[in-house]
């Protein structure tokens, strides 16, 4: 199972004062000369004849982003993302259309973009902050905080040409975080640096979302779904879709699996309608008595498998059922955190399968993967062969963690091959929903059952 879910209508026109970014018919073309001398000829004829071919990196982009909105930008390499961002920042001039920006922009497009490699980190802080609109007195006041945020120690007095990619990222983000920007653009800068730096940046981004407009670019669709209200999907220089983050990211992932080699058999289907609740009897509570009888009882309501949920794949195999079972293998309609459960995935081989992989994710309402697993490692040395037309069942038995209150879903998939190289036959997004009505979990994404908690005094 891979580690990685159509276009919604664009927002209605917002009052002028509420618009942060607006693009109309935006396009950018580059002249491609086949021979060096053609460039000179073109200069001499002054447009009366073309000695070049046009390459449209971006074409006919229409987008309105309102103040306070967080918008994601996704697409394959070469789809036009970098071109759009450079047009947005004003470092490129449009060939067609226009783009307007209402507010100060802080852009993190490339590592150290705008830094002079011969200058020290301190000198580059003053250079970059002044370019972003701060006066020298303001930079003086904020320098200590910038240096502390960057956390690169004495390296801040060294030329940045000596920096690692992570140090570049730290310094660039530290400057951007202190310039009072109204619009922030983050382009894959979180892909470098250590875990503590990434988490510090994410904490800043979440705080910035409360007061500013964020344009977030990443290949990590989980991050995009978690952060963004809407997503723009660029494909070959044009807008493929604009809509809710979860929906567009699902269709983008489906498109990634749909390569030229399987274009004839790959399909996408399903709807985004939540299924009705099943009416089976609730299970017996197995948690500690004190939690069971408290207001924090981690009660979970399970909804039925949705056969019409959004899906994609080649359909060489199909998933026909998903349900949660108790320790006695009885279907569940309710359960509680901490219980032992089995997630049962029922499949049918439409063609002979030589190395099937069945897997699942449990996700929260933002689409973040909380936990999951697949069958690959268990059967890596002794693959299961399934003849065409055969039904088979996969079970994942585990102790369910305690979950915070809210809505959750289970995504399931069946593929064939290895973890690194496989064919996706049937991936079902949100195949099963469940709702946690109450919980004692207030910190973190999940809570784990405690084997013991004790306070002991010395002596």
Protein backbone atom coordinates (compact mmCIF):
# COMPACT_ATOMS: atom_id res chain seq x y z
CA UNK A 1 0.00 0.00 0.00
CA UNK A 2 1.38 3.34 -0.96
CA UNK A 3 2.16 5.98 1.64
CA UNK A 4 0.01 8.39 -0.31
CA UNK A 5 -6.56 10.41 -1.46
CA UNK A 6 -13.14 16.63 -9.14
CA UNK A 7 -12.92 19.98 -9.13
CA UNK A 8 -15.25 21.96 -6.89
CA UNK A 9 -16.70 25.28 -7.81
CA UNK A 10 -14.56 28.33 -7.19
CA UNK A 11 -15.53 30.75 -4.44
CA UNK A 12 -18.07 33.39 -5.29
CA UNK A 13 -16.60 36.78 -6.08
CA UNK A 14 -15.47 38.45 -2.86
CA UNK A 15 -15.66 42.19 -2.12
CA UNK A 16 -12.53 43.95 -3.37
CA UNK A 17 -11.23 44.64 0.13
CA UNK A 18 -11.31 40.92 0.99
CA UNK A 19 -9.29 39.72 -1.99
CA UNK A 20 -5.67 38.84 -1.32
CA UNK A 21 -4.70 37.32 -4.69
CA UNK A 22 -6.51 37.49 -8.01
CA UNK A 23 -5.38 36.02 -11.34
CA UNK A 24 -7.29 36.45 -14.60
CA UNK A 25 -6.29 34.68 -17.82
CA UNK A 26 -2.76 34.38 -16.47
CA UNK A 27 -0.22 32.83 -18.82
CA UNK A 28 3.53 32.67 -19.32
CA UNK A 29 5.26 31.64 -22.56
CA UNK A 30 8.97 31.16 -23.23
CA UNK A 31 10.72 31.44 -26.60
CA UNK A 32 12.58 28.24 -27.49
CA UNK A 33 15.33 28.74 -30.09
CA UNK A 34 16.63 25.68 -31.93
CA UNK A 35 19.97 27.34 -32.84
CA UNK A 36 21.94 30.15 -31.16
CA UNK A 37 21.94 32.22 -34.37
CA UNK A 38 18.13 32.21 -34.42
CA UNK A 39 18.15 34.38 -31.32
CA UNK A 40 20.19 37.05 -33.16
CA UNK A 41 17.91 36.82 -36.22
CA UNK A 42 14.88 37.37 -34.03
CA UNK A 43 16.41 40.52 -32.59
CA UNK A 44 17.07 41.87 -36.09
CA UNK A 45 13.62 41.20 -37.59
CA UNK A 46 11.89 42.87 -34.59
CA UNK A 47 8.91 40.56 -34.51
CA UNK A 48 8.15 40.51 -38.26
CA UNK A 49 8.99 36.80 -38.31
CA UNK A 50 9.31 34.07 -35.69
CA UNK A 51 12.53 32.09 -35.40
CA UNK A 52 11.42 30.34 -32.24
CA UNK A 53 8.80 27.99 -30.85
CA UNK A 54 6.60 29.03 -27.96
CA UNK A 55 6.53 26.95 -24.81
CA UNK A 56 3.61 27.81 -22.54
CA UNK A 57 4.67 27.02 -18.99
CA UNK A 58 1.35 28.40 -17.73
CA UNK A 59 -1.87 29.18 -19.56
CA UNK A 60 -5.29 30.65 -18.74
CA UNK A 61 -5.15 30.50 -14.94
CA UNK A 62 -8.08 32.11 -13.15
CA UNK A 63 -8.02 32.20 -9.37
CA UNK A 64 -9.32 34.34 -6.52
CA UNK A 65 -7.91 33.89 -3.01
CA UNK A 66 -9.60 35.71 -0.17
CA UNK A 67 -7.82 37.17 2.83
CA UNK A 68 -7.32 34.62 5.58
CA UNK A 69 -7.69 31.66 3.24
CA UNK A 70 -5.14 28.84 3.04
CA UNK A 71 -4.71 27.50 -0.50
CA UNK A 72 -2.60 24.54 -1.56
CA UNK A 73 -0.85 24.18 -4.91
CA UNK A 74 -0.14 20.67 -6.18
CA UNK A 75 0.99 19.11 -9.43
CA UNK A 76 3.64 16.93 -10.98
CA UNK A 77 7.12 18.23 -11.72
CA UNK A 78 6.89 20.55 -14.72
CA UNK A 79 3.21 21.33 -14.17
CA UNK A 80 3.82 25.09 -13.82
CA UNK A 81 3.85 25.50 -10.03
CA UNK A 82 7.16 27.38 -9.85
CA UNK A 83 6.20 29.62 -12.77
CA UNK A 84 2.92 30.54 -11.08
CA UNK A 85 4.69 31.35 -7.81
CA UNK A 86 7.27 33.53 -9.56
CA UNK A 87 4.48 35.42 -11.33
CA UNK A 88 2.74 35.81 -7.98
CA UNK A 89 5.89 37.24 -6.39
CA UNK A 90 6.58 39.56 -9.32
CA UNK A 91 9.89 37.99 -10.35
CA UNK A 92 8.37 37.07 -13.73
CA UNK A 93 6.19 39.16 -16.05
CA UNK A 94 3.02 37.52 -17.47
CA UNK A 95 2.76 36.91 -21.20
CA UNK A 96 -1.05 37.08 -21.02
CA UNK A 97 -3.55 38.10 -18.38
CA UNK A 98 -2.82 39.69 -15.06
CA UNK A 99 -2.22 38.87 -11.41
CA UNK A 100 -2.94 41.21 -8.52
CA UNK A 101 -1.77 40.99 -4.91
CA UNK A 102 -3.22 42.92 -1.99
CA UNK A 103 -0.74 42.76 0.91
CA UNK A 104 2.93 42.24 1.74
CA UNK A 105 4.28 38.88 0.54
CA UNK A 106 6.90 36.75 2.26
CA UNK A 107 7.92 34.01 -0.16
CA UNK A 108 10.00 30.92 0.59
CA UNK A 109 10.41 29.67 -2.96
CA UNK A 110 13.92 28.25 -3.10
CA UNK A 111 16.55 27.66 -0.46
CA UNK A 112 18.35 30.93 0.15
CA UNK A 113 16.67 32.70 -2.77
CA UNK A 114 17.76 36.32 -2.47
CA UNK A 115 20.75 35.49 -0.27
CA UNK A 116 24.21 36.61 -1.32
CA UNK A 117 26.48 33.56 -0.85
CA UNK A 118 29.46 35.77 0.02
CA UNK A 119 27.59 37.60 2.79
CA UNK A 120 27.35 36.27 6.31
CA UNK A 121 24.06 35.07 7.73
CA UNK A 122 23.73 38.32 9.68
CA UNK A 123 24.29 40.42 6.55
CA UNK A 124 21.78 38.33 4.62
CA UNK A 125 19.19 38.80 7.37
CA UNK A 126 19.46 42.58 6.86
CA UNK A 127 19.45 42.20 3.07
CA UNK A 128 16.44 39.84 2.89
CA UNK A 129 14.40 41.67 5.52
CA UNK A 130 14.93 45.03 3.82
CA UNK A 131 13.85 43.55 0.48
CA UNK A 132 10.69 42.31 2.23
CA UNK A 133 9.92 45.83 3.42
CA UNK A 134 11.41 46.25 6.89
CA UNK A 135 13.29 49.43 7.82
CA UNK A 136 16.77 49.12 9.31
CA UNK A 137 15.49 50.08 12.78
CA UNK A 138 12.86 47.32 12.64
CA UNK A 139 15.47 44.75 11.65
CA UNK A 140 17.67 45.85 14.56
CA UNK A 141 14.77 45.32 16.96
CA UNK A 142 13.96 41.85 15.58
CA UNK A 143 17.44 40.54 14.83
CA UNK A 144 17.86 38.67 18.14
CA UNK A 145 14.51 36.95 17.66
CA UNK A 146 15.37 36.03 14.05
CA UNK A 147 18.70 34.56 15.12
CA UNK A 148 17.04 32.59 17.90
CA UNK A 149 14.36 31.23 15.54
CA UNK A 150 17.01 30.17 12.99
CA UNK A 151 18.98 28.36 15.67
CA UNK A 152 22.22 28.06 13.67
CA UNK A 153 24.47 29.41 16.42
CA UNK A 154 27.81 30.95 15.45
CA UNK A 155 27.24 30.04 11.80
CA UNK A 156 25.17 33.20 11.51
CA UNK A 157 28.49 35.09 11.37
CA UNK A 158 29.81 32.86 8.56
CA UNK A 159 29.26 33.25 4.79
CA UNK A 160 26.09 31.41 3.75
CA UNK A 161 28.01 29.61 0.99
CA UNK A 162 29.25 27.39 3.84
CA UNK A 163 25.71 26.51 4.96
CA UNK A 164 23.99 23.17 4.56
CA UNK A 165 20.55 23.08 2.91
CA UNK A 166 18.97 22.79 6.35
CA UNK A 167 20.77 25.91 7.59
CA UNK A 168 19.68 27.84 4.49
CA UNK A 169 16.10 26.82 5.21
CA UNK A 170 16.32 27.78 8.87
CA UNK A 171 17.62 31.27 8.12
CA UNK A 172 15.20 31.91 5.24
CA UNK A 173 12.19 30.84 7.29
CA UNK A 174 13.34 32.84 10.31
CA UNK A 175 13.47 36.03 8.24
CA UNK A 176 10.07 35.37 6.63
CA UNK A 177 8.52 34.74 10.03
CA UNK A 178 9.51 38.21 11.29
CA UNK A 179 8.54 40.60 8.48
CA UNK A 180 4.83 41.08 9.31
CA UNK A 181 3.75 39.55 6.01
CA UNK A 182 0.05 39.41 5.15
CA UNK A 183 0.59 36.70 2.52
CA UNK A 184 3.04 33.85 2.98
CA UNK A 185 4.14 31.46 0.22
CA UNK A 186 5.81 28.23 1.31
CA UNK A 187 7.24 26.05 -1.47
CA UNK A 188 8.67 22.70 -0.30
CA UNK A 189 11.05 24.38 2.15
CA UNK A 190 9.83 22.03 4.88
CA UNK A 191 11.26 19.08 2.95
CA UNK A 192 14.74 19.91 4.30
CA UNK A 193 16.00 20.40 7.81
CA UNK A 194 15.62 18.32 10.94
CA UNK A 195 12.43 17.31 12.72
CA UNK A 196 12.63 20.04 15.39
CA UNK A 197 12.97 22.76 12.71
CA UNK A 198 10.05 21.35 10.71
CA UNK A 199 7.82 21.25 13.78
CA UNK A 200 8.81 24.81 14.71
CA UNK A 201 7.87 25.94 11.19
CA UNK A 202 4.55 24.08 11.32
CA UNK A 203 3.70 25.72 14.66
CA UNK A 204 4.43 29.12 13.12
CA UNK A 205 2.36 28.29 10.02
CA UNK A 206 -0.64 27.27 12.13
CA UNK A 207 -0.39 30.56 14.06
CA UNK A 208 0.03 32.54 10.81
CA UNK A 209 -3.15 30.96 9.41
CA UNK A 210 -5.14 32.74 12.12
CA UNK A 211 -4.16 36.19 10.81
CA UNK A 212 -2.85 35.88 7.24
CA UNK A 213 -3.24 34.30 3.82
CA UNK A 214 -1.17 31.19 3.16
CA UNK A 215 -0.19 29.69 -0.19
CA UNK A 216 1.26 26.24 0.48
CA UNK A 217 3.08 24.11 -2.12
CA UNK A 218 4.00 20.51 -1.36
CA UNK A 219 4.13 17.00 -2.82
CA UNK A 220 2.95 15.73 0.58
CA UNK A 221 -0.82 15.56 0.10
CA UNK A 222 -1.30 14.70 3.77
CA UNK A 223 0.24 18.04 4.75
CA UNK A 224 -1.82 19.82 2.11
CA UNK A 225 -5.10 18.32 3.34
CA UNK A 226 -4.18 19.11 6.93
CA UNK A 227 -3.34 22.77 6.26
CA UNK A 228 -5.42 23.96 3.31
CA UNK A 229 -9.01 25.03 2.77
CA UNK A 230 -8.84 24.71 -1.01
CA UNK A 231 -6.36 23.25 -3.46
CA UNK A 232 -5.32 24.27 -6.98
CA UNK A 233 -4.15 21.34 -9.11
CA UNK A 234 -1.92 22.35 -12.02
CA UNK A 235 -1.33 19.90 -14.86
CA UNK A 236 0.86 20.73 -17.89
CA UNK A 237 0.52 24.45 -17.27
CA UNK A 238 -3.27 24.57 -16.92
CA UNK A 239 -5.65 24.32 -13.99
CA UNK A 240 -6.91 20.75 -13.74
CA UNK A 241 -9.08 21.36 -10.68
CA UNK A 242 -9.85 23.84 -7.91
CA UNK A 243 -11.84 22.67 -4.92
CA UNK A 244 -11.90 21.28 -1.37
CA UNK A 245 -8.46 20.04 -0.32
CA UNK A 246 -9.43 16.46 0.44
CA UNK A 247 -11.38 15.94 -2.79
CA UNK A 248 -8.76 17.44 -5.11
CA UNK A 249 -5.88 15.61 -3.41
CA UNK A 250 -7.73 12.31 -3.82
CA UNK A 251 -8.13 12.89 -7.55
CA UNK A 252 -4.51 14.01 -7.84
CA UNK A 253 -3.27 10.82 -6.16
CA UNK A 254 -5.45 8.78 -8.47
CA UNK A 255 -3.91 10.55 -11.45
CA UNK A 256 -0.38 9.80 -10.15
CA UNK A 257 -1.16 6.08 -10.27
CA UNK A 258 -2.63 6.42 -13.76
CA UNK A 259 0.62 6.25 -15.76
CA UNK A 260 0.90 5.77 -19.53
CA UNK A 261 1.50 2.05 -19.07
CA UNK A 262 -1.92 1.44 -17.51
CA UNK A 263 -3.95 4.29 -18.96
CA UNK A 264 -6.31 1.89 -20.72
CA UNK A 265 -7.32 -0.04 -17.60
CA UNK A 266 -7.08 2.56 -14.82
CA UNK A 267 -10.42 3.91 -13.59
CA UNK A 268 -11.75 6.36 -11.04
CA UNK A 269 -15.21 6.19 -9.50
CA UNK A 270 -17.40 6.49 -6.43
CA UNK A 271 -19.18 9.33 -4.70
CA UNK A 272 -18.60 11.34 -1.54
CA UNK A 273 -21.82 10.49 0.29
CA UNK A 274 -21.57 9.18 3.83
CA UNK A 275 -23.22 5.79 4.41
CA UNK A 276 -25.97 5.05 6.92
CA UNK A 277 -25.24 3.51 10.31
CA UNK A 278 -25.51 -0.25 10.68
CA UNK A 279 -27.83 -1.56 13.36
CA UNK A 280 -25.85 -4.40 14.93
CA UNK A 281 -25.78 -4.77 18.71
CA UNK A 282 -23.02 -2.95 20.63
CA UNK A 283 -20.03 -4.86 21.97
CA UNK A 284 -19.27 -5.48 25.62
CA UNK A 285 -17.06 -2.78 27.12
CA UNK A 286 -13.57 -4.06 27.97
CA UNK A 287 -11.98 -0.93 29.43
CA UNK A 288 -11.03 -0.06 32.95
CA UNK A 289 -14.05 0.43 35.21
CA UNK A 290 -13.16 3.97 36.24
CA UNK A 291 -13.00 5.19 32.62
CA UNK A 292 -16.06 3.20 31.63
CA UNK A 293 -18.25 4.93 34.19
CA UNK A 294 -16.90 8.45 33.60
CA UNK A 295 -17.95 11.22 31.24
CA UNK A 296 -14.74 10.54 29.26
CA UNK A 297 -15.81 7.07 28.14
CA UNK A 298 -14.23 6.63 24.69
CA UNK A 299 -17.41 5.47 22.95
CA UNK A 300 -17.12 4.93 19.20
CA UNK A 301 -20.05 4.62 16.77
CA UNK A 302 -19.29 2.69 13.56
CA UNK A 303 -20.99 3.29 10.22
CA UNK A 304 -21.43 0.80 7.42
CA UNK A 305 -18.98 0.10 4.60
CA UNK A 306 -19.63 2.50 1.73
CA UNK A 307 -19.27 0.61 -1.54
CA UNK A 308 -19.79 3.88 -3.45
CA UNK A 309 -16.98 5.78 -1.71
CA UNK A 310 -14.36 7.50 -3.94
CA UNK A 311 -12.00 4.94 -5.45
CA UNK A 312 -9.38 4.43 -8.13
CA UNK A 313 -7.35 1.58 -9.58
CA UNK A 314 -7.08 -0.98 -12.36
CA UNK A 315 -9.69 -3.25 -10.75
CA UNK A 316 -7.71 -6.44 -11.30
CA UNK A 317 -9.05 -7.05 -7.80
CA UNK A 318 -11.91 -5.44 -5.91
CA UNK A 319 -12.68 -4.73 -2.26
CA UNK A 320 -16.25 -5.83 -1.57
CA UNK A 321 -16.52 -5.34 2.18
CA UNK A 322 -14.88 -3.68 5.18
CA UNK A 323 -15.95 -4.08 8.79
CA UNK A 324 -14.68 -4.11 12.36
CA UNK A 325 -15.00 -7.31 14.41
CA UNK A 326 -14.70 -7.92 18.13
CA UNK A 327 -12.42 -10.51 19.75
CA UNK A 328 -15.03 -13.23 19.02
CA UNK A 329 -15.14 -12.13 15.35
CA UNK A 330 -18.61 -10.62 15.63
CA UNK A 331 -19.40 -7.46 13.61
CA UNK A 332 -19.38 -4.24 15.62
CA UNK A 333 -21.61 -1.19 15.51
CA UNK A 334 -20.11 0.43 18.61
CA UNK A 335 -16.92 -0.10 20.57
CA UNK A 336 -14.58 1.74 22.89
CA UNK A 337 -10.97 2.82 22.70
CA UNK A 338 -8.46 0.31 24.04
CA UNK A 339 -10.40 -2.74 22.84
CA UNK A 340 -8.95 -5.53 20.74
CA UNK A 341 -10.54 -5.43 17.28
CA UNK A 342 -10.05 -6.97 13.85
CA UNK A 343 -10.36 -4.89 10.72
CA UNK A 344 -11.68 -7.30 8.08
CA UNK A 345 -11.21 -6.48 4.39
CA UNK A 346 -13.13 -8.72 1.96
CA UNK A 347 -11.68 -8.89 -1.58
CA UNK A 348 -12.33 -10.58 -4.90
CA UNK A 349 -9.62 -11.41 -7.45
CA UNK A 350 -10.96 -10.36 -10.86
CA UNK A 351 -7.78 -11.81 -12.37
CA UNK A 352 -5.06 -14.08 -10.98
CA UNK A 353 -3.03 -12.32 -8.27
CA UNK A 354 0.56 -13.45 -7.71
CA UNK A 355 1.57 -11.15 -4.85
CA UNK A 356 -1.41 -9.22 -3.46
CA UNK A 357 -0.91 -6.50 -0.84
CA UNK A 358 -3.89 -5.45 1.27
CA UNK A 359 -3.55 -2.42 3.53
CA UNK A 360 -5.40 0.28 5.45
CA UNK A 361 -5.08 3.70 7.06
CA UNK A 362 -7.12 5.21 9.87
CA UNK A 363 -7.46 8.95 9.27
CA UNK A 364 -8.87 11.90 11.18
CA UNK A 365 -11.27 14.48 9.77
CA UNK A 366 -8.35 16.44 8.27
CA UNK A 367 -7.13 13.41 6.33
CA UNK A 368 -4.05 12.86 8.50
CA UNK A 369 -2.89 9.25 8.67
CA UNK A 370 -3.05 8.22 12.33
CA UNK A 371 -1.97 4.61 11.89
CA UNK A 372 -2.20 1.74 9.43
CA UNK A 373 -0.46 -1.31 8.05
CA UNK A 374 -0.43 -3.79 5.17
CA UNK A 375 0.25 -7.44 4.48
CA UNK A 376 3.50 -7.10 2.50
CA UNK A 377 6.09 -7.88 5.19
CA UNK A 378 4.10 -10.83 6.55
CA UNK A 379 3.96 -12.54 3.14
CA UNK A 380 7.11 -11.10 1.54
CA UNK A 381 8.97 -14.45 1.49
CA UNK A 382 5.91 -16.60 0.85
CA UNK A 383 3.47 -14.65 -1.36
CA UNK A 384 -0.17 -15.76 -1.47
CA UNK A 385 -1.38 -16.75 -4.94
CA UNK A 386 -5.07 -16.05 -5.56
CA UNK A 387 -6.76 -17.54 -8.68
CA UNK A 388 -9.05 -15.39 -10.80
CA UNK A 389 -12.65 -15.32 -9.58
CA UNK A 390 -11.70 -16.15 -5.98
CA UNK A 391 -13.01 -14.31 -2.91
CA UNK A 392 -10.59 -13.90 -0.01
CA UNK A 393 -10.50 -12.15 3.37
CA UNK A 394 -7.72 -10.22 5.09
CA UNK A 395 -7.82 -9.51 8.82
CA UNK A 396 -5.76 -6.99 10.82
CA UNK A 397 -6.02 -7.68 14.56
CA UNK A 398 -4.83 -4.90 16.89
CA UNK A 399 -5.63 -3.01 20.07
CA UNK A 400 -7.44 0.16 19.16
CA UNK A 401 -5.84 3.29 20.65
CA UNK A 402 -7.92 5.86 22.50
CA UNK A 403 -9.07 8.55 20.07
CA UNK A 404 -10.08 12.18 20.63
CA UNK A 405 -13.69 13.17 20.00
CA UNK A 406 -14.59 13.66 16.34
CA UNK A 407 -15.03 11.93 13.00
CA UNK A 408 -12.61 9.34 11.60
CA UNK A 409 -12.44 7.16 8.51
CA UNK A 410 -10.74 4.02 7.25
CA UNK A 411 -9.10 4.00 3.80
CA UNK A 412 -8.38 0.56 2.35
CA UNK A 413 -6.52 -0.66 -0.73
CA UNK A 414 -5.47 -3.79 -2.56
CA UNK A 415 -2.39 -3.73 -4.79
CA UNK A 416 -0.08 -6.28 -6.38
CA UNK A 417 3.72 -6.38 -6.32
CA UNK A 418 6.08 -4.96 -3.70
CA UNK A 419 5.93 -1.90 -1.48
CA UNK A 420 8.29 -0.04 -3.83
CA UNK A 421 6.88 -1.29 -7.14
CA UNK A 422 3.23 -2.25 -7.33
CA UNK A 423 0.03 -1.93 -9.34
CA UNK A 424 -2.87 -0.30 -7.51
CA UNK A 425 -5.98 -2.39 -8.17
CA UNK A 426 -8.57 -0.82 -5.85
CA UNK A 427 -8.01 2.09 -3.46
CA UNK A 428 -11.14 3.18 -1.56
CA UNK A 429 -11.05 6.51 0.22
CA UNK A 430 -13.20 6.75 3.37
CA UNK A 431 -14.52 3.22 2.96
CA UNK A 432 -15.71 3.15 6.56
CA UNK A 433 -16.60 6.02 8.89
CA UNK A 434 -16.77 6.03 12.67
CA UNK A 435 -17.50 8.74 15.21
CA UNK A 436 -15.97 9.18 18.68
CA UNK A 437 -18.60 10.77 20.92
CA UNK A 438 -16.48 11.39 24.04
CA UNK A 439 -12.87 10.99 25.08
CA UNK A 440 -10.28 11.69 27.75
CA UNK A 441 -7.68 12.39 25.01
CA UNK A 442 -7.02 16.14 24.84
CA UNK A 443 -3.37 16.17 23.70
CA UNK A 444 -1.93 14.50 20.60
CA UNK A 445 -3.65 12.68 17.77
CA UNK A 446 -4.27 9.42 19.67
CA UNK A 447 -3.93 8.09 23.19
CA UNK A 448 -2.44 4.69 24.01
CA UNK A 449 -3.73 2.31 26.69
CA UNK A 450 -1.53 2.64 29.77
CA UNK A 451 -0.15 -0.52 31.40
CA UNK A 452 0.32 1.45 34.60
CA UNK A 453 0.63 4.97 35.98
CA UNK A 454 2.26 5.59 39.36
CA UNK A 455 3.69 8.41 41.46
CA UNK A 456 6.34 7.23 43.91
CA UNK A 457 8.05 9.26 46.60
CA UNK A 458 11.77 8.97 47.25
CA UNK A 459 12.84 7.18 50.44
